């Protein structure tokens, strides 16, 4: 399938791009992800906080992530542009 036959082009296949693609597919929209790196790739973004957990549960991939002995981090402080969100 060529790019002209796709509904959406997503630049970057990291967590945001992959999550966007999954959400679009669920709505019947055909995305194409363009990524310059070869996967799997080393990347420092190994932790999720806040809404990240809710999103992976909504996508139905929470069990897959937790079955592979991924570390769960507790006690994380989140900061927004206006300071601590506590």
PDB file of N, CA and C in Angstrom:
ATOM      1  N   UNK A   1       0.851  -1.176   0.000  1.00  0.00           N
ATOM      2  CA  UNK A   1       0.000   0.000   0.000  1.00  0.00           C
ATOM      3  C   UNK A   1       0.892   1.233   0.000  1.00  0.00           C
ATOM      4  N   UNK A   2       0.693   2.138  -0.919  1.00  0.00           N
ATOM      5  CA  UNK A   2       1.505   3.334  -1.023  1.00  0.00           C
ATOM      6  C   UNK A   2       1.054   4.424  -0.082  1.00  0.00           C
ATOM      7  N   UNK A   3       1.909   5.423   0.106  1.00  0.00           N
ATOM      8  CA  UNK A   3       1.570   6.528   0.998  1.00  0.00           C
ATOM      9  C   UNK A   3       0.324   7.277   0.537  1.00  0.00           C
ATOM     10  N   UNK A   4       0.097   7.357  -0.768  1.00  0.00           N
ATOM     11  CA  UNK A   4      -1.074   8.076  -1.273  1.00  0.00           C
ATOM     12  C   UNK A   4      -2.372   7.407  -0.836  1.00  0.00           C
ATOM     13  N   UNK A   5      -2.318   6.124  -0.466  1.00  0.00           N
ATOM     14  CA  UNK A   5      -3.511   5.393  -0.053  1.00  0.00           C
ATOM     15  C   UNK A   5      -3.747   5.452   1.448  1.00  0.00           C
ATOM     16  N   UNK A   6      -2.908   6.162   2.163  1.00  0.00           N
ATOM     17  CA  UNK A   6      -3.028   6.277   3.616  1.00  0.00           C
ATOM     18  C   UNK A   6      -3.810   7.534   3.972  1.00  0.00           C
ATOM     19  N   UNK A   7      -4.449   7.499   5.154  1.00  0.00           N
ATOM     20  CA  UNK A   7      -5.198   8.651   5.631  1.00  0.00           C
ATOM     21  C   UNK A   7      -4.314   9.640   6.387  1.00  0.00           C
ATOM     22  N   UNK A   8      -3.315   9.105   7.137  1.00  0.00           N
ATOM     23  CA  UNK A   8      -2.483   9.939   8.005  1.00  0.00           C
ATOM     24  C   UNK A   8      -1.042   9.464   7.924  1.00  0.00           C
ATOM     25  N   UNK A   9      -0.109  10.397   7.882  1.00  0.00           N
ATOM     26  CA  UNK A   9       1.314  10.101   7.936  1.00  0.00           C
ATOM     27  C   UNK A   9       1.826  10.539   9.304  1.00  0.00           C
ATOM     28  N   UNK A  10       2.424   9.613  10.046  1.00  0.00           N
ATOM     29  CA  UNK A  10       2.971   9.903  11.375  1.00  0.00           C
ATOM     30  C   UNK A  10       4.489   9.890  11.269  1.00  0.00           C
ATOM     31  N   UNK A  11       5.116  10.974  11.680  1.00  0.00           N
ATOM     32  CA  UNK A  11       6.566  11.081  11.645  1.00  0.00           C
ATOM     33  C   UNK A  11       7.096  10.688  13.025  1.00  0.00           C
ATOM     34  N   UNK A  12       7.775   9.557  13.105  1.00  0.00           N
ATOM     35  CA  UNK A  12       8.351   9.084  14.360  1.00  0.00           C
ATOM     36  C   UNK A  12       7.567   7.921  14.936  1.00  0.00           C
ATOM     37  N   UNK A  13       8.261   6.811  15.166  1.00  0.00           N
ATOM     38  CA  UNK A  13       7.611   5.613  15.669  1.00  0.00           C
ATOM     39  C   UNK A  13       7.843   5.346  17.139  1.00  0.00           C
ATOM     40  N   UNK A  14       8.170   6.386  17.900  1.00  0.00           N
ATOM     41  CA  UNK A  14       8.346   6.221  19.340  1.00  0.00           C
ATOM     42  C   UNK A  14       7.009   6.046  20.036  1.00  0.00           C
ATOM     43  N   UNK A  15       6.979   6.212  21.348  1.00  0.00           N
ATOM     44  CA  UNK A  15       5.735   6.012  22.095  1.00  0.00           C
ATOM     45  C   UNK A  15       4.564   6.866  21.602  1.00  0.00           C
ATOM     46  N   UNK A  16       4.804   8.130  21.316  1.00  0.00           N
ATOM     47  CA  UNK A  16       3.703   9.001  20.872  1.00  0.00           C
ATOM     48  C   UNK A  16       3.210   8.608  19.484  1.00  0.00           C
ATOM     49  N   UNK A  17       4.133   8.335  18.558  1.00  0.00           N
ATOM     50  CA  UNK A  17       3.740   7.948  17.210  1.00  0.00           C
ATOM     51  C   UNK A  17       3.010   6.610  17.180  1.00  0.00           C
ATOM     52  N   UNK A  18       3.536   5.633  17.927  1.00  0.00           N
ATOM     53  CA  UNK A  18       2.905   4.314  17.967  1.00  0.00           C
ATOM     54  C   UNK A  18       1.527   4.376  18.613  1.00  0.00           C
ATOM     55  N   UNK A  19       1.408   5.147  19.708  1.00  0.00           N
ATOM     56  CA  UNK A  19       0.120   5.295  20.370  1.00  0.00           C
ATOM     57  C   UNK A  19      -0.885   5.989  19.461  1.00  0.00           C
ATOM     58  N   UNK A  20      -0.432   7.010  18.758  1.00  0.00           N
ATOM     59  CA  UNK A  20      -1.313   7.707  17.816  1.00  0.00           C
ATOM     60  C   UNK A  20      -1.794   6.758  16.729  1.00  0.00           C
ATOM     61  N   UNK A  21      -0.891   5.951  16.197  1.00  0.00           N
ATOM     62  CA  UNK A  21      -1.262   5.007  15.146  1.00  0.00           C
ATOM     63  C   UNK A  21      -2.280   3.990  15.641  1.00  0.00           C
ATOM     64  N   UNK A  22      -2.077   3.449  16.843  1.00  0.00           N
ATOM     65  CA  UNK A  22      -3.029   2.487  17.391  1.00  0.00           C
ATOM     66  C   UNK A  22      -4.412   3.108  17.570  1.00  0.00           C
ATOM     67  N   UNK A  23      -4.445   4.331  18.072  1.00  0.00           N
ATOM     68  CA  UNK A  23      -5.732   5.017  18.249  1.00  0.00           C
ATOM     69  C   UNK A  23      -6.431   5.265  16.918  1.00  0.00           C
ATOM     70  N   UNK A  24      -5.668   5.621  15.897  1.00  0.00           N
ATOM     71  CA  UNK A  24      -6.255   5.854  14.578  1.00  0.00           C
ATOM     72  C   UNK A  24      -6.803   4.563  13.970  1.00  0.00           C
ATOM     73  N   UNK A  25      -6.051   3.470  14.090  1.00  0.00           N
ATOM     74  CA  UNK A  25      -6.495   2.188  13.546  1.00  0.00           C
ATOM     75  C   UNK A  25      -7.814   1.769  14.185  1.00  0.00           C
ATOM     76  N   UNK A  26      -7.945   1.975  15.497  1.00  0.00           N
ATOM     77  CA  UNK A  26      -9.190   1.635  16.188  1.00  0.00           C
ATOM     78  C   UNK A  26     -10.382   2.405  15.634  1.00  0.00           C
ATOM     79  N   UNK A  27     -10.138   3.566  15.065  1.00  0.00           N
ATOM     80  CA  UNK A  27     -11.208   4.386  14.493  1.00  0.00           C
ATOM     81  C   UNK A  27     -11.368   4.169  12.988  1.00  0.00           C
ATOM     82  N   UNK A  28     -10.644   3.176  12.431  1.00  0.00           N
ATOM     83  CA  UNK A  28     -10.748   2.861  11.022  1.00  0.00           C
ATOM     84  C   UNK A  28      -9.940   3.773  10.109  1.00  0.00           C
ATOM     85  N   UNK A  29      -9.009   4.513  10.673  1.00  0.00           N
ATOM     86  CA  UNK A  29      -8.161   5.433   9.905  1.00  0.00           C
ATOM     87  C   UNK A  29      -6.825   4.744   9.657  1.00  0.00           C
ATOM     88  N   UNK A  30      -6.340   4.790   8.422  1.00  0.00           N
ATOM     89  CA  UNK A  30      -5.112   4.086   8.037  1.00  0.00           C
ATOM     90  C   UNK A  30      -3.890   4.994   8.183  1.00  0.00           C
ATOM     91  N   UNK A  31      -3.057   4.759   9.211  1.00  0.00           N
ATOM     92  CA  UNK A  31      -1.834   5.552   9.365  1.00  0.00           C
ATOM     93  C   UNK A  31      -0.621   4.853   8.759  1.00  0.00           C
ATOM     94  N   UNK A  32       0.378   5.634   8.421  1.00  0.00           N
ATOM     95  CA  UNK A  32       1.700   5.126   8.067  1.00  0.00           C
ATOM     96  C   UNK A  32       2.694   5.828   8.978  1.00  0.00           C
ATOM     97  N   UNK A  33       3.559   5.041   9.623  1.00  0.00           N
ATOM     98  CA  UNK A  33       4.595   5.601  10.491  1.00  0.00           C
ATOM     99  C   UNK A  33       5.906   5.630   9.722  1.00  0.00           C
ATOM    100  N   UNK A  34       6.552   6.789   9.708  1.00  0.00           N
ATOM    101  CA  UNK A  34       7.874   6.928   9.105  1.00  0.00           C
ATOM    102  C   UNK A  34       8.865   7.139  10.249  1.00  0.00           C
ATOM    103  N   UNK A  35       9.860   6.257  10.331  1.00  0.00           N
ATOM    104  CA  UNK A  35      10.846   6.295  11.418  1.00  0.00           C
ATOM    105  C   UNK A  35      12.237   6.169  10.824  1.00  0.00           C
ATOM    106  N   UNK A  36      13.164   7.004  11.247  1.00  0.00           N
ATOM    107  CA  UNK A  36      14.524   6.943  10.696  1.00  0.00           C
ATOM    108  C   UNK A  36      15.383   5.880  11.367  1.00  0.00           C
ATOM    109  N   UNK A  37      15.057   5.479  12.587  1.00  0.00           N
ATOM    110  CA  UNK A  37      15.860   4.494  13.315  1.00  0.00           C
ATOM    111  C   UNK A  37      15.373   3.076  13.040  1.00  0.00           C
ATOM    112  N   UNK A  38      16.262   2.098  13.285  1.00  0.00           N
ATOM    113  CA  UNK A  38      15.892   0.686  13.210  1.00  0.00           C
ATOM    114  C   UNK A  38      15.501   0.225  14.606  1.00  0.00           C
ATOM    115  N   UNK A  39      14.404  -0.490  14.725  1.00  0.00           N
ATOM    116  CA  UNK A  39      13.950  -0.982  16.021  1.00  0.00           C
ATOM    117  C   UNK A  39      14.402  -2.410  16.216  1.00  0.00           C
ATOM    118  N   UNK A  40      14.635  -2.890  17.441  1.00  0.00           N
ATOM    119  CA  UNK A  40      14.597  -2.079  18.658  1.00  0.00           C
ATOM    120  C   UNK A  40      15.799  -1.146  18.723  1.00  0.00           C
ATOM    121  N   UNK A  41      15.604  -0.035  19.370  1.00  0.00           N
ATOM    122  CA  UNK A  41      16.661   0.959  19.476  1.00  0.00           C
ATOM    123  C   UNK A  41      16.844   1.350  20.930  1.00  0.00           C
ATOM    124  N   UNK A  42      18.047   1.750  21.299  1.00  0.00           N
ATOM    125  CA  UNK A  42      18.305   2.231  22.643  1.00  0.00           C
ATOM    126  C   UNK A  42      17.691   3.611  22.776  1.00  0.00           C
ATOM    127  N   UNK A  43      16.930   3.800  23.832  1.00  0.00           N
ATOM    128  CA  UNK A  43      16.324   5.103  24.086  1.00  0.00           C
ATOM    129  C   UNK A  43      16.145   5.252  25.584  1.00  0.00           C
ATOM    130  N   UNK A  44      16.406   6.406  26.106  1.00  0.00           N
ATOM    131  CA  UNK A  44      16.402   6.612  27.551  1.00  0.00           C
ATOM    132  C   UNK A  44      14.989   6.727  28.126  1.00  0.00           C
ATOM    133  N   UNK A  45      13.969   6.863  27.352  1.00  0.00           N
ATOM    134  CA  UNK A  45      12.609   7.055  27.865  1.00  0.00           C
ATOM    135  C   UNK A  45      11.970   5.787  28.381  1.00  0.00           C
ATOM    136  N   UNK A  46      12.571   5.148  29.374  1.00  0.00           N
ATOM    137  CA  UNK A  46      12.092   3.851  29.843  1.00  0.00           C
ATOM    138  C   UNK A  46      10.982   3.936  30.879  1.00  0.00           C
ATOM    139  N   UNK A  47      10.598   5.104  31.312  1.00  0.00           N
ATOM    140  CA  UNK A  47       9.591   5.218  32.364  1.00  0.00           C
ATOM    141  C   UNK A  47       8.377   6.008  31.873  1.00  0.00           C
ATOM    142  N   UNK A  48       7.226   5.645  32.417  1.00  0.00           N
ATOM    143  CA  UNK A  48       6.003   6.393  32.141  1.00  0.00           C
ATOM    144  C   UNK A  48       5.440   6.898  33.462  1.00  0.00           C
ATOM    145  N   UNK A  49       4.851   8.039  33.428  1.00  0.00           N
ATOM    146  CA  UNK A  49       4.194   8.587  34.606  1.00  0.00           C
ATOM    147  C   UNK A  49       2.841   9.156  34.191  1.00  0.00           C
ATOM    148  N   UNK A  50       2.038   9.510  35.175  1.00  0.00           N
ATOM    149  CA  UNK A  50       0.773  10.187  34.919  1.00  0.00           C
ATOM    150  C   UNK A  50      -0.150   9.449  33.977  1.00  0.00           C
ATOM    151  N   UNK A  51      -0.573  10.124  32.932  1.00  0.00           N
ATOM    152  CA  UNK A  51      -1.545   9.577  31.986  1.00  0.00           C
ATOM    153  C   UNK A  51      -1.010   8.418  31.164  1.00  0.00           C
ATOM    154  N   UNK A  52       0.302   8.210  31.164  1.00  0.00           N
ATOM    155  CA  UNK A  52       0.870   7.107  30.387  1.00  0.00           C
ATOM    156  C   UNK A  52       0.273   5.760  30.756  1.00  0.00           C
ATOM    157  N   UNK A  53       0.098   5.517  32.054  1.00  0.00           N
ATOM    158  CA  UNK A  53      -0.492   4.254  32.501  1.00  0.00           C
ATOM    159  C   UNK A  53      -1.921   4.087  32.033  1.00  0.00           C
ATOM    160  N   UNK A  54      -2.692   5.151  32.094  1.00  0.00           N
ATOM    161  CA  UNK A  54      -4.085   5.096  31.633  1.00  0.00           C
ATOM    162  C   UNK A  54      -4.147   4.817  30.138  1.00  0.00           C
ATOM    163  N   UNK A  55      -3.233   5.400  29.386  1.00  0.00           N
ATOM    164  CA  UNK A  55      -3.230   5.205  27.930  1.00  0.00           C
ATOM    165  C   UNK A  55      -2.894   3.763  27.575  1.00  0.00           C
ATOM    166  N   UNK A  56      -1.892   3.157  28.220  1.00  0.00           N
ATOM    167  CA  UNK A  56      -1.560   1.773  27.871  1.00  0.00           C
ATOM    168  C   UNK A  56      -2.675   0.812  28.290  1.00  0.00           C
ATOM    169  N   UNK A  57      -3.395   1.115  29.369  1.00  0.00           N
ATOM    170  CA  UNK A  57      -4.550   0.295  29.740  1.00  0.00           C
ATOM    171  C   UNK A  57      -5.665   0.454  28.706  1.00  0.00           C
ATOM    172  N   UNK A  58      -5.910   1.674  28.266  1.00  0.00           N
ATOM    173  CA  UNK A  58      -6.937   1.938  27.263  1.00  0.00           C
ATOM    174  C   UNK A  58      -6.623   1.229  25.943  1.00  0.00           C
ATOM    175  N   UNK A  59      -5.357   1.174  25.576  1.00  0.00           N
ATOM    176  CA  UNK A  59      -4.939   0.493  24.353  1.00  0.00           C
ATOM    177  C   UNK A  59      -4.926  -1.026  24.496  1.00  0.00           C
ATOM    178  N   UNK A  60      -5.070  -1.519  25.733  1.00  0.00           N
ATOM    179  CA  UNK A  60      -5.093  -2.958  25.964  1.00  0.00           C
ATOM    180  C   UNK A  60      -3.733  -3.614  25.955  1.00  0.00           C
ATOM    181  N   UNK A  61      -2.668  -2.846  26.210  1.00  0.00           N
ATOM    182  CA  UNK A  61      -1.321  -3.429  26.182  1.00  0.00           C
ATOM    183  C   UNK A  61      -0.655  -3.446  27.557  1.00  0.00           C
ATOM    184  N   UNK A  62      -1.388  -3.082  28.604  1.00  0.00           N
ATOM    185  CA  UNK A  62      -0.830  -3.047  29.961  1.00  0.00           C
ATOM    186  C   UNK A  62      -0.288  -4.405  30.384  1.00  0.00           C
ATOM    187  N   UNK A  63      -1.055  -5.473  30.152  1.00  0.00           N
ATOM    188  CA  UNK A  63      -0.623  -6.809  30.565  1.00  0.00           C
ATOM    189  C   UNK A  63       0.653  -7.224  29.840  1.00  0.00           C
ATOM    190  N   UNK A  64       0.758  -6.886  28.564  1.00  0.00           N
ATOM    191  CA  UNK A  64       1.951  -7.238  27.789  1.00  0.00           C
ATOM    192  C   UNK A  64       3.184  -6.542  28.362  1.00  0.00           C
ATOM    193  N   UNK A  65       3.031  -5.307  28.785  1.00  0.00           N
ATOM    194  CA  UNK A  65       4.170  -4.573  29.345  1.00  0.00           C
ATOM    195  C   UNK A  65       4.573  -5.119  30.711  1.00  0.00           C
ATOM    196  N   UNK A  66       3.613  -5.478  31.536  1.00  0.00           N
ATOM    197  CA  UNK A  66       3.934  -5.930  32.890  1.00  0.00           C
ATOM    198  C   UNK A  66       4.376  -7.390  32.942  1.00  0.00           C
ATOM    199  N   UNK A  67       4.049  -8.202  31.946  1.00  0.00           N
ATOM    200  CA  UNK A  67       4.452  -9.612  31.980  1.00  0.00           C
ATOM    201  C   UNK A  67       5.939  -9.804  31.723  1.00  0.00           C
ATOM    202  N   UNK A  68       6.604  -8.818  31.165  1.00  0.00           N
ATOM    203  CA  UNK A  68       8.031  -8.929  30.846  1.00  0.00           C
ATOM    204  C   UNK A  68       8.922  -8.368  31.943  1.00  0.00           C
ATOM    205  N   UNK A  69       8.425  -8.313  33.179  1.00  0.00           N
ATOM    206  CA  UNK A  69       9.205  -7.888  34.333  1.00  0.00           C
ATOM    207  C   UNK A  69       9.735  -6.464  34.186  1.00  0.00           C
ATOM    208  N   UNK A  70       8.924  -5.582  33.620  1.00  0.00           N
ATOM    209  CA  UNK A  70       9.312  -4.179  33.567  1.00  0.00           C
ATOM    210  C   UNK A  70       9.150  -3.572  34.959  1.00  0.00           C
ATOM    211  N   UNK A  71      10.081  -2.784  35.358  1.00  0.00           N
ATOM    212  CA  UNK A  71      10.054  -2.179  36.678  1.00  0.00           C
ATOM    213  C   UNK A  71       8.938  -1.160  36.780  1.00  0.00           C
ATOM    214  N   UNK A  72       8.197  -1.222  37.867  1.00  0.00           N
ATOM    215  CA  UNK A  72       7.162  -0.229  38.141  1.00  0.00           C
ATOM    216  C   UNK A  72       7.761   0.774  39.118  1.00  0.00           C
ATOM    217  N   UNK A  73       7.692   2.052  38.772  1.00  0.00           N
ATOM    218  CA  UNK A  73       8.272   3.098  39.607  1.00  0.00           C
ATOM    219  C   UNK A  73       7.172   3.788  40.399  1.00  0.00           C
ATOM    220  N   UNK A  74       7.422   3.970  41.668  1.00  0.00           N
ATOM    221  CA  UNK A  74       6.461   4.631  42.547  1.00  0.00           C
ATOM    222  C   UNK A  74       7.073   5.913  43.090  1.00  0.00           C
ATOM    223  N   UNK A  75       6.256   6.880  43.448  1.00  0.00           N
ATOM    224  CA  UNK A  75       6.740   8.097  44.082  1.00  0.00           C
ATOM    225  C   UNK A  75       7.378   9.081  43.130  1.00  0.00           C
ATOM    226  N   UNK A  76       6.899   9.155  41.900  1.00  0.00           N
ATOM    227  CA  UNK A  76       7.460  10.078  40.920  1.00  0.00           C
ATOM    228  C   UNK A  76       6.757  11.424  41.018  1.00  0.00           C
ATOM    229  N   UNK A  77       7.508  12.512  41.013  1.00  0.00           N
ATOM    230  CA  UNK A  77       6.932  13.856  40.960  1.00  0.00           C
ATOM    231  C   UNK A  77       6.868  14.304  39.514  1.00  0.00           C
ATOM    232  N   UNK A  78       5.728  14.854  39.122  1.00  0.00           N
ATOM    233  CA  UNK A  78       5.572  15.369  37.771  1.00  0.00           C
ATOM    234  C   UNK A  78       5.584  16.880  37.805  1.00  0.00           C
ATOM    235  N   UNK A  79       6.174  17.486  36.796  1.00  0.00           N
ATOM    236  CA  UNK A  79       6.250  18.937  36.716  1.00  0.00           C
ATOM    237  C   UNK A  79       5.687  19.391  35.385  1.00  0.00           C
ATOM    238  N   UNK A  80       4.939  20.471  35.428  1.00  0.00           N
ATOM    239  CA  UNK A  80       4.387  21.075  34.223  1.00  0.00           C
ATOM    240  C   UNK A  80       5.057  22.443  34.034  1.00  0.00           C
ATOM    241  N   UNK A  81       4.649  23.160  33.021  1.00  0.00           N
ATOM    242  CA  UNK A  81       5.281  24.445  32.729  1.00  0.00           C
ATOM    243  C   UNK A  81       5.076  25.455  33.862  1.00  0.00           C
ATOM    244  N   UNK A  82       4.079  25.229  34.694  1.00  0.00           N
ATOM    245  CA  UNK A  82       3.830  26.147  35.823  1.00  0.00           C
ATOM    246  C   UNK A  82       4.328  25.596  37.147  1.00  0.00           C
ATOM    247  N   UNK A  83       5.151  24.564  37.118  1.00  0.00           N
ATOM    248  CA  UNK A  83       5.701  24.022  38.352  1.00  0.00           C
ATOM    249  C   UNK A  83       5.128  22.667  38.709  1.00  0.00           C
ATOM    250  N   UNK A  84       5.312  22.261  39.940  1.00  0.00           N
ATOM    251  CA  UNK A  84       4.876  20.957  40.419  1.00  0.00           C
ATOM    252  C   UNK A  84       3.364  20.856  40.337  1.00  0.00           C
ATOM    253  N   UNK A  85       2.853  19.721  39.849  1.00  0.00           N
ATOM    254  CA  UNK A  85       1.416  19.531  39.688  1.00  0.00           C
ATOM    255  C   UNK A  85       0.776  18.816  40.870  1.00  0.00           C
ATOM    256  N   UNK A  86       1.509  18.639  41.987  1.00  0.00           N
ATOM    257  CA  UNK A  86       0.933  17.962  43.171  1.00  0.00           C
ATOM    258  C   UNK A  86      -0.296  18.667  43.674  1.00  0.00           C
TER     259      UNK A  86
END
